[in-house]
Amino acid sequence: MAETGEDIRFANPTPGNIVGGLTTLEEKSLGCIKKAGNSPLMEVIDYAKSPTKKGFIFMDTPGYDLESVSGLAAGGATIILFSTGKGSPTGSPIVPVIKIGTNSNVYERMAEPY
């Protein structure tokens, strides 16, 4: 940050986040932490690496949906539970992705016809 003169701590990476009501990356990160629940963190792994422990594992992935899902699949995930605040259409041809809608509007927009 200091090398470039940019301070991303106060930036918001996408217009969709702003429309969704987020004002900072800190707010977005706090939401992610809340979604993780209260299980103890067992391990932090690099992008596309396989865990060596069981339980709640954090993978250091890029912030973009497709890249994060790809890293989880490369690390050995056999199913991905993807929480979405605005209805990201992210999926994967390699591993099933189950969308978890965070509100009724997302559910209605993403509901599949039967």
PDB file of N, CA and C in Angstrom:
ATOM      1  N   MET A   1       0.820  -1.182   0.000  1.00  0.00           N
ATOM      2  CA  MET A   1       0.000   0.000   0.000  1.00  0.00           C
ATOM      3  C   MET A   1       0.866   1.249   0.000  1.00  0.00           C
ATOM      4  N   ALA A   2       1.835   1.313   0.855  1.00  0.00           N
ATOM      5  CA  ALA A   2       2.675   2.499   0.946  1.00  0.00           C
ATOM      6  C   ALA A   2       3.464   2.727  -0.339  1.00  0.00           C
ATOM      7  N   GLU A   3       3.854   1.635  -1.005  1.00  0.00           N
ATOM      8  CA  GLU A   3       4.650   1.748  -2.215  1.00  0.00           C
ATOM      9  C   GLU A   3       3.878   2.420  -3.344  1.00  0.00           C
ATOM     10  N   THR A   4       2.581   2.188  -3.410  1.00  0.00           N
ATOM     11  CA  THR A   4       1.773   2.727  -4.505  1.00  0.00           C
ATOM     12  C   THR A   4       1.020   3.994  -4.134  1.00  0.00           C
ATOM     13  N   GLY A   5       0.969   4.297  -2.855  1.00  0.00           N
ATOM     14  CA  GLY A   5       0.219   5.459  -2.417  1.00  0.00           C
ATOM     15  C   GLY A   5      -1.274   5.202  -2.301  1.00  0.00           C
ATOM     16  N   GLU A   6      -1.684   3.971  -2.478  1.00  0.00           N
ATOM     17  CA  GLU A   6      -3.104   3.600  -2.381  1.00  0.00           C
ATOM     18  C   GLU A   6      -3.372   2.948  -1.029  1.00  0.00           C
ATOM     19  N   ASP A   7      -4.529   3.240  -0.479  1.00  0.00           N
ATOM     20  CA  ASP A   7      -4.940   2.628   0.776  1.00  0.00           C
ATOM     21  C   ASP A   7      -6.261   1.911   0.544  1.00  0.00           C
ATOM     22  N   ILE A   8      -6.194   0.591   0.306  1.00  0.00           N
ATOM     23  CA  ILE A   8      -7.400  -0.170  -0.023  1.00  0.00           C
ATOM     24  C   ILE A   8      -8.278  -0.448   1.189  1.00  0.00           C
ATOM     25  N   ARG A   9      -7.804  -0.111   2.367  1.00  0.00           N
ATOM     26  CA  ARG A   9      -8.611  -0.393   3.560  1.00  0.00           C
ATOM     27  C   ARG A   9      -9.933   0.350   3.544  1.00  0.00           C
ATOM     28  N   PHE A  10     -10.016   1.453   2.828  1.00  0.00           N
ATOM     29  CA  PHE A  10     -11.247   2.239   2.814  1.00  0.00           C
ATOM     30  C   PHE A  10     -11.965   2.144   1.475  1.00  0.00           C
ATOM     31  N   ALA A  11     -11.541   1.234   0.633  1.00  0.00           N
ATOM     32  CA  ALA A  11     -12.148   1.056  -0.683  1.00  0.00           C
ATOM     33  C   ALA A  11     -13.241  -0.001  -0.622  1.00  0.00           C
ATOM     34  N   ASN A  12     -14.091   0.004  -1.599  1.00  0.00           N
ATOM     35  CA  ASN A  12     -15.075  -1.053  -1.764  1.00  0.00           C
ATOM     36  C   ASN A  12     -14.841  -1.632  -3.146  1.00  0.00           C
ATOM     37  N   PRO A  13     -14.582  -2.930  -3.247  1.00  0.00           N
ATOM     38  CA  PRO A  13     -14.108  -3.491  -4.510  1.00  0.00           C
ATOM     39  C   PRO A  13     -15.106  -3.528  -5.660  1.00  0.00           C
ATOM     40  N   THR A  14     -16.408  -3.552  -5.373  1.00  0.00           N
ATOM     41  CA  THR A  14     -17.346  -3.663  -6.484  1.00  0.00           C
ATOM     42  C   THR A  14     -18.555  -2.756  -6.277  1.00  0.00           C
ATOM     43  N   PRO A  15     -19.119  -2.274  -7.376  1.00  0.00           N
ATOM     44  CA  PRO A  15     -20.349  -1.472  -7.266  1.00  0.00           C
ATOM     45  C   PRO A  15     -21.484  -2.260  -6.614  1.00  0.00           C
ATOM     46  N   GLY A  16     -21.536  -3.589  -6.856  1.00  0.00           N
ATOM     47  CA  GLY A  16     -22.586  -4.400  -6.244  1.00  0.00           C
ATOM     48  C   GLY A  16     -22.535  -4.376  -4.736  1.00  0.00           C
ATOM     49  N   ASN A  17     -21.333  -4.329  -4.161  1.00  0.00           N
ATOM     50  CA  ASN A  17     -21.216  -4.231  -2.705  1.00  0.00           C
ATOM     51  C   ASN A  17     -21.779  -2.913  -2.202  1.00  0.00           C
ATOM     52  N   ILE A  18     -21.522  -1.854  -2.936  1.00  0.00           N
ATOM     53  CA  ILE A  18     -22.031  -0.534  -2.539  1.00  0.00           C
ATOM     54  C   ILE A  18     -23.557  -0.537  -2.594  1.00  0.00           C
ATOM     55  N   VAL A  19     -24.129  -1.062  -3.687  1.00  0.00           N
ATOM     56  CA  VAL A  19     -25.582  -1.146  -3.819  1.00  0.00           C
ATOM     57  C   VAL A  19     -26.161  -1.994  -2.687  1.00  0.00           C
ATOM     58  N   GLY A  20     -25.421  -3.024  -2.278  1.00  0.00           N
ATOM     59  CA  GLY A  20     -25.871  -3.892  -1.195  1.00  0.00           C
ATOM     60  C   GLY A  20     -25.771  -3.263   0.183  1.00  0.00           C
ATOM     61  N   GLY A  21     -25.219  -2.060   0.270  1.00  0.00           N
ATOM     62  CA  GLY A  21     -25.170  -1.352   1.540  1.00  0.00           C
ATOM     63  C   GLY A  21     -23.823  -1.367   2.238  1.00  0.00           C
ATOM     64  N   LEU A  22     -22.816  -2.014   1.652  1.00  0.00           N
ATOM     65  CA  LEU A  22     -21.498  -2.043   2.284  1.00  0.00           C
ATOM     66  C   LEU A  22     -20.749  -0.751   1.977  1.00  0.00           C
ATOM     67  N   THR A  23     -20.022  -0.272   2.960  1.00  0.00           N
ATOM     68  CA  THR A  23     -19.248   0.952   2.752  1.00  0.00           C
ATOM     69  C   THR A  23     -17.747   0.723   2.833  1.00  0.00           C
ATOM     70  N   THR A  24     -17.322  -0.416   3.414  1.00  0.00           N
ATOM     71  CA  THR A  24     -15.887  -0.683   3.546  1.00  0.00           C
ATOM     72  C   THR A  24     -15.617  -2.176   3.399  1.00  0.00           C
ATOM     73  N   LEU A  25     -14.366  -2.507   3.133  1.00  0.00           N
ATOM     74  CA  LEU A  25     -13.969  -3.911   3.109  1.00  0.00           C
ATOM     75  C   LEU A  25     -14.069  -4.533   4.493  1.00  0.00           C
ATOM     76  N   GLU A  26     -13.905  -3.715   5.520  1.00  0.00           N
ATOM     77  CA  GLU A  26     -14.029  -4.225   6.884  1.00  0.00           C
ATOM     78  C   GLU A  26     -15.433  -4.756   7.133  1.00  0.00           C
ATOM     79  N   GLU A  27     -16.453  -4.019   6.666  1.00  0.00           N
ATOM     80  CA  GLU A  27     -17.826  -4.493   6.827  1.00  0.00           C
ATOM     81  C   GLU A  27     -18.037  -5.817   6.105  1.00  0.00           C
ATOM     82  N   LYS A  28     -17.513  -5.923   4.899  1.00  0.00           N
ATOM     83  CA  LYS A  28     -17.655  -7.165   4.144  1.00  0.00           C
ATOM     84  C   LYS A  28     -16.969  -8.315   4.875  1.00  0.00           C
ATOM     85  N   SER A  29     -15.783  -8.072   5.390  1.00  0.00           N
ATOM     86  CA  SER A  29     -15.041  -9.111   6.109  1.00  0.00           C
ATOM     87  C   SER A  29     -15.759  -9.538   7.381  1.00  0.00           C
ATOM     88  N   LEU A  30     -16.348  -8.591   8.088  1.00  0.00           N
ATOM     89  CA  LEU A  30     -17.087  -8.940   9.306  1.00  0.00           C
ATOM     90  C   LEU A  30     -18.276  -9.831   8.974  1.00  0.00           C
ATOM     91  N   GLY A  31     -18.931  -9.575   7.832  1.00  0.00           N
ATOM     92  CA  GLY A  31     -20.022 -10.441   7.403  1.00  0.00           C
ATOM     93  C   GLY A  31     -19.540 -11.854   7.124  1.00  0.00           C
ATOM     94  N   CYS A  32     -18.378 -11.963   6.508  1.00  0.00           N
ATOM     95  CA  CYS A  32     -17.810 -13.287   6.223  1.00  0.00           C
ATOM     96  C   CYS A  32     -17.495 -14.022   7.518  1.00  0.00           C
ATOM     97  N   ILE A  33     -16.940 -13.306   8.474  1.00  0.00           N
ATOM     98  CA  ILE A  33     -16.609 -13.920   9.760  1.00  0.00           C
ATOM     99  C   ILE A  33     -17.880 -14.422  10.436  1.00  0.00           C
ATOM    100  N   LYS A  34     -18.937 -13.624  10.397  1.00  0.00           N
ATOM    101  CA  LYS A  34     -20.200 -14.013  11.021  1.00  0.00           C
ATOM    102  C   LYS A  34     -20.768 -15.270  10.371  1.00  0.00           C
ATOM    103  N   LYS A  35     -20.658 -15.372   9.033  1.00  0.00           N
ATOM    104  CA  LYS A  35     -21.180 -16.541   8.315  1.00  0.00           C
ATOM    105  C   LYS A  35     -20.426 -17.811   8.681  1.00  0.00           C
ATOM    106  N   ALA A  36     -19.206 -17.690   9.170  1.00  0.00           N
ATOM    107  CA  ALA A  36     -18.400 -18.864   9.498  1.00  0.00           C
ATOM    108  C   ALA A  36     -18.928 -19.600  10.725  1.00  0.00           C
ATOM    109  N   GLY A  37     -19.748 -18.962  11.518  1.00  0.00           N
ATOM    110  CA  GLY A  37     -20.293 -19.614  12.703  1.00  0.00           C
ATOM    111  C   GLY A  37     -19.342 -19.541  13.879  1.00  0.00           C
ATOM    112  N   ASN A  38     -19.430 -20.517  14.801  1.00  0.00           N
ATOM    113  CA  ASN A  38     -18.589 -20.462  15.994  1.00  0.00           C
ATOM    114  C   ASN A  38     -17.697 -21.676  16.170  1.00  0.00           C
ATOM    115  N   SER A  39     -17.456 -22.402  15.110  1.00  0.00           N
ATOM    116  CA  SER A  39     -16.513 -23.515  15.198  1.00  0.00           C
ATOM    117  C   SER A  39     -15.095 -22.972  15.306  1.00  0.00           C
ATOM    118  N   PRO A  40     -14.244 -23.670  16.023  1.00  0.00           N
ATOM    119  CA  PRO A  40     -12.859 -23.182  16.122  1.00  0.00           C
ATOM    120  C   PRO A  40     -12.130 -23.329  14.779  1.00  0.00           C
ATOM    121  N   LEU A  41     -11.336 -22.342  14.453  1.00  0.00           N
ATOM    122  CA  LEU A  41     -10.526 -22.379  13.239  1.00  0.00           C
ATOM    123  C   LEU A  41      -9.411 -23.396  13.443  1.00  0.00           C
ATOM    124  N   MET A  42      -9.373 -24.396  12.554  1.00  0.00           N
ATOM    125  CA  MET A  42      -8.406 -25.481  12.713  1.00  0.00           C
ATOM    126  C   MET A  42      -7.135 -25.275  11.890  1.00  0.00           C
ATOM    127  N   GLU A  43      -7.277 -24.546  10.755  1.00  0.00           N
ATOM    128  CA  GLU A  43      -6.125 -24.423   9.871  1.00  0.00           C
ATOM    129  C   GLU A  43      -6.375 -23.303   8.853  1.00  0.00           C
ATOM    130  N   VAL A  44      -5.302 -22.626   8.454  1.00  0.00           N
ATOM    131  CA  VAL A  44      -5.324 -21.655   7.363  1.00  0.00           C
ATOM    132  C   VAL A  44      -4.401 -22.196   6.286  1.00  0.00           C
ATOM    133  N   ILE A  45      -4.939 -22.328   5.059  1.00  0.00           N
ATOM    134  CA  ILE A  45      -4.146 -22.913   3.977  1.00  0.00           C
ATOM    135  C   ILE A  45      -4.027 -21.938   2.809  1.00  0.00           C
ATOM    136  N   ASP A  46      -3.004 -22.115   2.008  1.00  0.00           N
ATOM    137  CA  ASP A  46      -2.797 -21.304   0.817  1.00  0.00           C
ATOM    138  C   ASP A  46      -3.774 -21.703  -0.271  1.00  0.00           C
ATOM    139  N   TYR A  47      -3.915 -20.853  -1.252  1.00  0.00           N
ATOM    140  CA  TYR A  47      -4.806 -21.054  -2.396  1.00  0.00           C
ATOM    141  C   TYR A  47      -4.547 -22.399  -3.073  1.00  0.00           C
ATOM    142  N   ALA A  48      -5.622 -23.140  -3.300  1.00  0.00           N
ATOM    143  CA  ALA A  48      -5.613 -24.414  -4.020  1.00  0.00           C
ATOM    144  C   ALA A  48      -4.851 -25.530  -3.307  1.00  0.00           C
ATOM    145  N   LYS A  49      -4.544 -25.364  -2.036  1.00  0.00           N
ATOM    146  CA  LYS A  49      -3.854 -26.405  -1.271  1.00  0.00           C
ATOM    147  C   LYS A  49      -4.879 -27.253  -0.528  1.00  0.00           C
ATOM    148  N   SER A  50      -4.510 -28.487  -0.257  1.00  0.00           N
ATOM    149  CA  SER A  50      -5.389 -29.392   0.474  1.00  0.00           C
ATOM    150  C   SER A  50      -5.195 -29.240   1.975  1.00  0.00           C
ATOM    151  N   PRO A  51      -6.277 -29.285   2.735  1.00  0.00           N
ATOM    152  CA  PRO A  51      -6.166 -29.226   4.193  1.00  0.00           C
ATOM    153  C   PRO A  51      -5.460 -30.465   4.747  1.00  0.00           C
ATOM    154  N   THR A  52      -4.822 -30.304   5.879  1.00  0.00           N
ATOM    155  CA  THR A  52      -4.207 -31.443   6.561  1.00  0.00           C
ATOM    156  C   THR A  52      -4.977 -31.792   7.831  1.00  0.00           C
ATOM    157  N   LYS A  53      -5.972 -30.971   8.175  1.00  0.00           N
ATOM    158  CA  LYS A  53      -6.786 -31.198   9.368  1.00  0.00           C
ATOM    159  C   LYS A  53      -8.249 -31.242   8.979  1.00  0.00           C
ATOM    160  N   LYS A  54      -9.100 -31.628   9.921  1.00  0.00           N
ATOM    161  CA  LYS A  54     -10.546 -31.641   9.715  1.00  0.00           C
ATOM    162  C   LYS A  54     -11.168 -30.507  10.505  1.00  0.00           C
ATOM    163  N   GLY A  55     -12.333 -30.059  10.053  1.00  0.00           N
ATOM    164  CA  GLY A  55     -13.043 -28.997  10.744  1.00  0.00           C
ATOM    165  C   GLY A  55     -13.096 -27.735   9.912  1.00  0.00           C
ATOM    166  N   PHE A  56     -13.191 -26.604  10.593  1.00  0.00           N
ATOM    167  CA  PHE A  56     -13.284 -25.307   9.933  1.00  0.00           C
ATOM    168  C   PHE A  56     -11.899 -24.902   9.433  1.00  0.00           C
ATOM    169  N   ILE A  57     -11.772 -24.847   8.106  1.00  0.00           N
ATOM    170  CA  ILE A  57     -10.501 -24.509   7.454  1.00  0.00           C
ATOM    171  C   ILE A  57     -10.708 -23.232   6.661  1.00  0.00           C
ATOM    172  N   PHE A  58      -9.781 -22.319   6.721  1.00  0.00           N
ATOM    173  CA  PHE A  58      -9.822 -21.078   5.941  1.00  0.00           C
ATOM    174  C   PHE A  58      -8.791 -21.176   4.833  1.00  0.00           C
ATOM    175  N   MET A  59      -9.246 -20.984   3.576  1.00  0.00           N
ATOM    176  CA  MET A  59      -8.322 -20.955   2.445  1.00  0.00           C
ATOM    177  C   MET A  59      -8.136 -19.501   2.019  1.00  0.00           C
ATOM    178  N   ASP A  60      -6.899 -19.095   1.856  1.00  0.00           N
ATOM    179  CA  ASP A  60      -6.565 -17.745   1.421  1.00  0.00           C
ATOM    180  C   ASP A  60      -6.759 -17.664  -0.093  1.00  0.00           C
ATOM    181  N   THR A  61      -7.965 -17.273  -0.510  1.00  0.00           N
ATOM    182  CA  THR A  61      -8.291 -17.215  -1.934  1.00  0.00           C
ATOM    183  C   THR A  61      -8.436 -15.768  -2.385  1.00  0.00           C
ATOM    184  N   PRO A  62      -8.419 -15.547  -3.700  1.00  0.00           N
ATOM    185  CA  PRO A  62      -8.767 -14.217  -4.207  1.00  0.00           C
ATOM    186  C   PRO A  62     -10.209 -13.890  -3.822  1.00  0.00           C
ATOM    187  N   GLY A  63     -10.557 -12.632  -3.854  1.00  0.00           N
ATOM    188  CA  GLY A  63     -11.894 -12.214  -3.452  1.00  0.00           C
ATOM    189  C   GLY A  63     -12.964 -12.402  -4.503  1.00  0.00           C
ATOM    190  N   TYR A  64     -12.593 -12.864  -5.686  1.00  0.00           N
ATOM    191  CA  TYR A  64     -13.579 -13.030  -6.748  1.00  0.00           C
ATOM    192  C   TYR A  64     -14.182 -14.426  -6.688  1.00  0.00           C
ATOM    193  N   ASP A  65     -15.484 -14.509  -6.933  1.00  0.00           N
ATOM    194  CA  ASP A  65     -16.230 -15.752  -6.762  1.00  0.00           C
ATOM    195  C   ASP A  65     -15.635 -16.922  -7.541  1.00  0.00           C
ATOM    196  N   LEU A  66     -15.417 -16.742  -8.838  1.00  0.00           N
ATOM    197  CA  LEU A  66     -14.944 -17.860  -9.659  1.00  0.00           C
ATOM    198  C   LEU A  66     -13.581 -18.362  -9.221  1.00  0.00           C
ATOM    199  N   GLU A  67     -12.680 -17.436  -8.906  1.00  0.00           N
ATOM    200  CA  GLU A  67     -11.343 -17.843  -8.473  1.00  0.00           C
ATOM    201  C   GLU A  67     -11.371 -18.540  -7.122  1.00  0.00           C
ATOM    202  N   SER A  68     -12.234 -18.085  -6.228  1.00  0.00           N
ATOM    203  CA  SER A  68     -12.291 -18.727  -4.917  1.00  0.00           C
ATOM    204  C   SER A  68     -12.868 -20.140  -5.032  1.00  0.00           C
ATOM    205  N   VAL A  69     -13.916 -20.317  -5.831  1.00  0.00           N
ATOM    206  CA  VAL A  69     -14.499 -21.651  -6.029  1.00  0.00           C
ATOM    207  C   VAL A  69     -13.487 -22.576  -6.702  1.00  0.00           C
ATOM    208  N   SER A  70     -12.761 -22.058  -7.692  1.00  0.00           N
ATOM    209  CA  SER A  70     -11.740 -22.870  -8.375  1.00  0.00           C
ATOM    210  C   SER A  70     -10.655 -23.329  -7.402  1.00  0.00           C
ATOM    211  N   GLY A  71     -10.228 -22.442  -6.508  1.00  0.00           N
ATOM    212  CA  GLY A  71      -9.210 -22.800  -5.520  1.00  0.00           C
ATOM    213  C   GLY A  71      -9.697 -23.867  -4.564  1.00  0.00           C
ATOM    214  N   LEU A  72     -10.956 -23.773  -4.146  1.00  0.00           N
ATOM    215  CA  LEU A  72     -11.516 -24.786  -3.253  1.00  0.00           C
ATOM    216  C   LEU A  72     -11.585 -26.145  -3.947  1.00  0.00           C
ATOM    217  N   ALA A  73     -12.003 -26.138  -5.223  1.00  0.00           N
ATOM    218  CA  ALA A  73     -12.051 -27.391  -5.985  1.00  0.00           C
ATOM    219  C   ALA A  73     -10.651 -27.969  -6.153  1.00  0.00           C
ATOM    220  N   ALA A  74      -9.677 -27.122  -6.473  1.00  0.00           N
ATOM    221  CA  ALA A  74      -8.295 -27.599  -6.640  1.00  0.00           C
ATOM    222  C   ALA A  74      -7.734 -28.147  -5.336  1.00  0.00           C
ATOM    223  N   GLY A  75      -8.203 -27.610  -4.205  1.00  0.00           N
ATOM    224  CA  GLY A  75      -7.747 -28.080  -2.905  1.00  0.00           C
ATOM    225  C   GLY A  75      -8.428 -29.353  -2.442  1.00  0.00           C
ATOM    226  N   GLY A  76      -9.398 -29.852  -3.226  1.00  0.00           N
ATOM    227  CA  GLY A  76     -10.019 -31.121  -2.890  1.00  0.00           C
ATOM    228  C   GLY A  76     -11.454 -31.060  -2.414  1.00  0.00           C
ATOM    229  N   ALA A  77     -12.079 -29.880  -2.445  1.00  0.00           N
ATOM    230  CA  ALA A  77     -13.478 -29.801  -2.015  1.00  0.00           C
ATOM    231  C   ALA A  77     -14.344 -30.670  -2.912  1.00  0.00           C
ATOM    232  N   THR A  78     -15.262 -31.406  -2.320  1.00  0.00           N
ATOM    233  CA  THR A  78     -16.160 -32.256  -3.093  1.00  0.00           C
ATOM    234  C   THR A  78     -17.547 -31.639  -3.217  1.00  0.00           C
ATOM    235  N   ILE A  79     -17.808 -30.597  -2.444  1.00  0.00           N
ATOM    236  CA  ILE A  79     -19.036 -29.812  -2.525  1.00  0.00           C
ATOM    237  C   ILE A  79     -18.721 -28.435  -1.944  1.00  0.00           C
ATOM    238  N   ILE A  80     -19.322 -27.406  -2.505  1.00  0.00           N
ATOM    239  CA  ILE A  80     -19.064 -26.048  -2.024  1.00  0.00           C
ATOM    240  C   ILE A  80     -20.392 -25.424  -1.629  1.00  0.00           C
ATOM    241  N   LEU A  81     -20.472 -24.922  -0.416  1.00  0.00           N
ATOM    242  CA  LEU A  81     -21.624 -24.171   0.065  1.00  0.00           C
ATOM    243  C   LEU A  81     -21.277 -22.701  -0.100  1.00  0.00           C
ATOM    244  N   PHE A  82     -21.989 -22.018  -0.987  1.00  0.00           N
ATOM    245  CA  PHE A  82     -21.650 -20.661  -1.381  1.00  0.00           C
ATOM    246  C   PHE A  82     -22.734 -19.712  -0.901  1.00  0.00           C
ATOM    247  N   SER A  83     -22.434 -18.916   0.098  1.00  0.00           N
ATOM    248  CA  SER A  83     -23.415 -17.946   0.567  1.00  0.00           C
ATOM    249  C   SER A  83     -23.347 -16.723  -0.344  1.00  0.00           C
ATOM    250  N   THR A  84     -24.510 -16.248  -0.746  1.00  0.00           N
ATOM    251  CA  THR A  84     -24.567 -15.133  -1.668  1.00  0.00           C
ATOM    252  C   THR A  84     -25.536 -14.084  -1.155  1.00  0.00           C
ATOM    253  N   GLY A  85     -25.065 -12.860  -1.099  1.00  0.00           N
ATOM    254  CA  GLY A  85     -25.889 -11.759  -0.621  1.00  0.00           C
ATOM    255  C   GLY A  85     -26.741 -11.148  -1.711  1.00  0.00           C
ATOM    256  N   LYS A  86     -26.249 -11.169  -2.949  1.00  0.00           N
ATOM    257  CA  LYS A  86     -26.973 -10.534  -4.046  1.00  0.00           C
ATOM    258  C   LYS A  86     -27.347 -11.499  -5.149  1.00  0.00           C
ATOM    259  N   GLY A  87     -26.975 -12.770  -5.014  1.00  0.00           N
ATOM    260  CA  GLY A  87     -27.378 -13.753  -5.999  1.00  0.00           C
ATOM    261  C   GLY A  87     -26.345 -14.036  -7.068  1.00  0.00           C
ATOM    262  N   SER A  88     -25.100 -14.088  -6.693  1.00  0.00           N
ATOM    263  CA  SER A  88     -24.038 -14.402  -7.645  1.00  0.00           C
ATOM    264  C   SER A  88     -24.351 -15.701  -8.376  1.00  0.00           C
ATOM    265  N   PRO A  89     -24.218 -15.723  -9.713  1.00  0.00           N
ATOM    266  CA  PRO A  89     -24.517 -16.939 -10.468  1.00  0.00           C
ATOM    267  C   PRO A  89     -23.368 -17.942 -10.499  1.00  0.00           C
ATOM    268  N   THR A  90     -22.399 -17.775  -9.637  1.00  0.00           N
ATOM    269  CA  THR A  90     -21.212 -18.628  -9.635  1.00  0.00           C
ATOM    270  C   THR A  90     -21.569 -20.098  -9.450  1.00  0.00           C
ATOM    271  N   GLY A  91     -20.955 -20.927 -10.278  1.00  0.00           N
ATOM    272  CA  GLY A  91     -21.090 -22.368 -10.180  1.00  0.00           C
ATOM    273  C   GLY A  91     -19.762 -22.985 -10.586  1.00  0.00           C
ATOM    274  N   SER A  92     -19.745 -24.277 -10.782  1.00  0.00           N
ATOM    275  CA  SER A  92     -18.514 -24.945 -11.181  1.00  0.00           C
ATOM    276  C   SER A  92     -18.843 -26.203 -11.976  1.00  0.00           C
ATOM    277  N   PRO A  93     -18.128 -26.440 -13.071  1.00  0.00           N
ATOM    278  CA  PRO A  93     -18.323 -27.693 -13.802  1.00  0.00           C
ATOM    279  C   PRO A  93     -17.595 -28.864 -13.139  1.00  0.00           C
ATOM    280  N   ILE A  94     -16.783 -28.579 -12.114  1.00  0.00           N
ATOM    281  CA  ILE A  94     -15.943 -29.591 -11.484  1.00  0.00           C
ATOM    282  C   ILE A  94     -16.551 -30.127 -10.190  1.00  0.00           C
ATOM    283  N   VAL A  95     -17.167 -29.243  -9.424  1.00  0.00           N
ATOM    284  CA  VAL A  95     -17.686 -29.618  -8.111  1.00  0.00           C
ATOM    285  C   VAL A  95     -19.055 -28.952  -7.925  1.00  0.00           C
ATOM    286  N   PRO A  96     -20.035 -29.655  -7.329  1.00  0.00           N
ATOM    287  CA  PRO A  96     -21.346 -29.036  -7.107  1.00  0.00           C
ATOM    288  C   PRO A  96     -21.237 -27.826  -6.185  1.00  0.00           C
ATOM    289  N   VAL A  97     -21.981 -26.771  -6.528  1.00  0.00           N
ATOM    290  CA  VAL A  97     -22.031 -25.554  -5.718  1.00  0.00           C
ATOM    291  C   VAL A  97     -23.473 -25.348  -5.268  1.00  0.00           C
ATOM    292  N   ILE A  98     -23.688 -25.352  -3.969  1.00  0.00           N
ATOM    293  CA  ILE A  98     -25.014 -25.109  -3.406  1.00  0.00           C
ATOM    294  C   ILE A  98     -25.053 -23.662  -2.949  1.00  0.00           C
ATOM    295  N   LYS A  99     -26.028 -22.913  -3.474  1.00  0.00           N
ATOM    296  CA  LYS A  99     -26.172 -21.504  -3.110  1.00  0.00           C
ATOM    297  C   LYS A  99     -26.966 -21.392  -1.817  1.00  0.00           C
ATOM    298  N   ILE A 100     -26.490 -20.562  -0.939  1.00  0.00           N
ATOM    299  CA  ILE A 100     -27.199 -20.261   0.297  1.00  0.00           C
ATOM    300  C   ILE A 100     -27.585 -18.795   0.219  1.00  0.00           C
ATOM    301  N   GLY A 101     -28.877 -18.528   0.000  1.00  0.00           N
ATOM    302  CA  GLY A 101     -29.368 -17.159  -0.097  1.00  0.00           C
ATOM    303  C   GLY A 101     -29.447 -16.527   1.275  1.00  0.00           C
ATOM    304  N   THR A 102     -29.080 -15.262   1.327  1.00  0.00           N
ATOM    305  CA  THR A 102     -29.052 -14.584   2.620  1.00  0.00           C
ATOM    306  C   THR A 102     -30.330 -13.806   2.908  1.00  0.00           C
ATOM    307  N   ASN A 103     -31.244 -13.767   1.936  1.00  0.00           N
ATOM    308  CA  ASN A 103     -32.491 -13.050   2.183  1.00  0.00           C
ATOM    309  C   ASN A 103     -33.566 -13.557   1.220  1.00  0.00           C
ATOM    310  N   SER A 104     -34.812 -13.197   1.468  1.00  0.00           N
ATOM    311  CA  SER A 104     -35.939 -13.689   0.666  1.00  0.00           C
ATOM    312  C   SER A 104     -35.873 -13.210  -0.775  1.00  0.00           C
ATOM    313  N   ASN A 105     -35.402 -11.987  -1.013  1.00  0.00           N
ATOM    314  CA  ASN A 105     -35.312 -11.464  -2.381  1.00  0.00           C
ATOM    315  C   ASN A 105     -34.369 -12.315  -3.231  1.00  0.00           C
ATOM    316  N   VAL A 106     -33.238 -12.703  -2.667  1.00  0.00           N
ATOM    317  CA  VAL A 106     -32.299 -13.552  -3.396  1.00  0.00           C
ATOM    318  C   VAL A 106     -32.945 -14.897  -3.692  1.00  0.00           C
ATOM    319  N   TYR A 107     -33.628 -15.457  -2.719  1.00  0.00           N
ATOM    320  CA  TYR A 107     -34.293 -16.742  -2.926  1.00  0.00           C
ATOM    321  C   TYR A 107     -35.289 -16.657  -4.087  1.00  0.00           C
ATOM    322  N   GLU A 108     -36.103 -15.623  -4.099  1.00  0.00           N
ATOM    323  CA  GLU A 108     -37.114 -15.475  -5.150  1.00  0.00           C
ATOM    324  C   GLU A 108     -36.459 -15.321  -6.527  1.00  0.00           C
ATOM    325  N   ARG A 109     -35.384 -14.551  -6.614  1.00  0.00           N
ATOM    326  CA  ARG A 109     -34.708 -14.334  -7.900  1.00  0.00           C
ATOM    327  C   ARG A 109     -34.015 -15.597  -8.398  1.00  0.00           C
ATOM    328  N   MET A 110     -33.522 -16.427  -7.479  1.00  0.00           N
ATOM    329  CA  MET A 110     -32.730 -17.588  -7.881  1.00  0.00           C
ATOM    330  C   MET A 110     -33.504 -18.898  -7.860  1.00  0.00           C
ATOM    331  N   ALA A 111     -34.758 -18.861  -7.460  1.00  0.00           N
ATOM    332  CA  ALA A 111     -35.545 -20.098  -7.362  1.00  0.00           C
ATOM    333  C   ALA A 111     -35.670 -20.730  -8.744  1.00  0.00           C
ATOM    334  N   GLU A 112     -35.488 -22.040  -8.782  1.00  0.00           N
ATOM    335  CA  GLU A 112     -35.629 -22.782 -10.040  1.00  0.00           C
ATOM    336  C   GLU A 112     -37.063 -23.236 -10.203  1.00  0.00           C
ATOM    337  N   PRO A 113     -37.589 -23.133 -11.425  1.00  0.00           N
ATOM    338  CA  PRO A 113     -38.954 -23.635 -11.639  1.00  0.00           C
ATOM    339  C   PRO A 113     -39.000 -25.160 -11.556  1.00  0.00           C
ATOM    340  N   TYR A 114     -40.071 -25.674 -11.048  1.00  0.00           N
ATOM    341  CA  TYR A 114     -40.223 -27.127 -10.924  1.00  0.00           C
ATOM    342  C   TYR A 114     -41.133 -27.658 -11.991  1.00  0.00           C
TER     343      TYR A 114
END
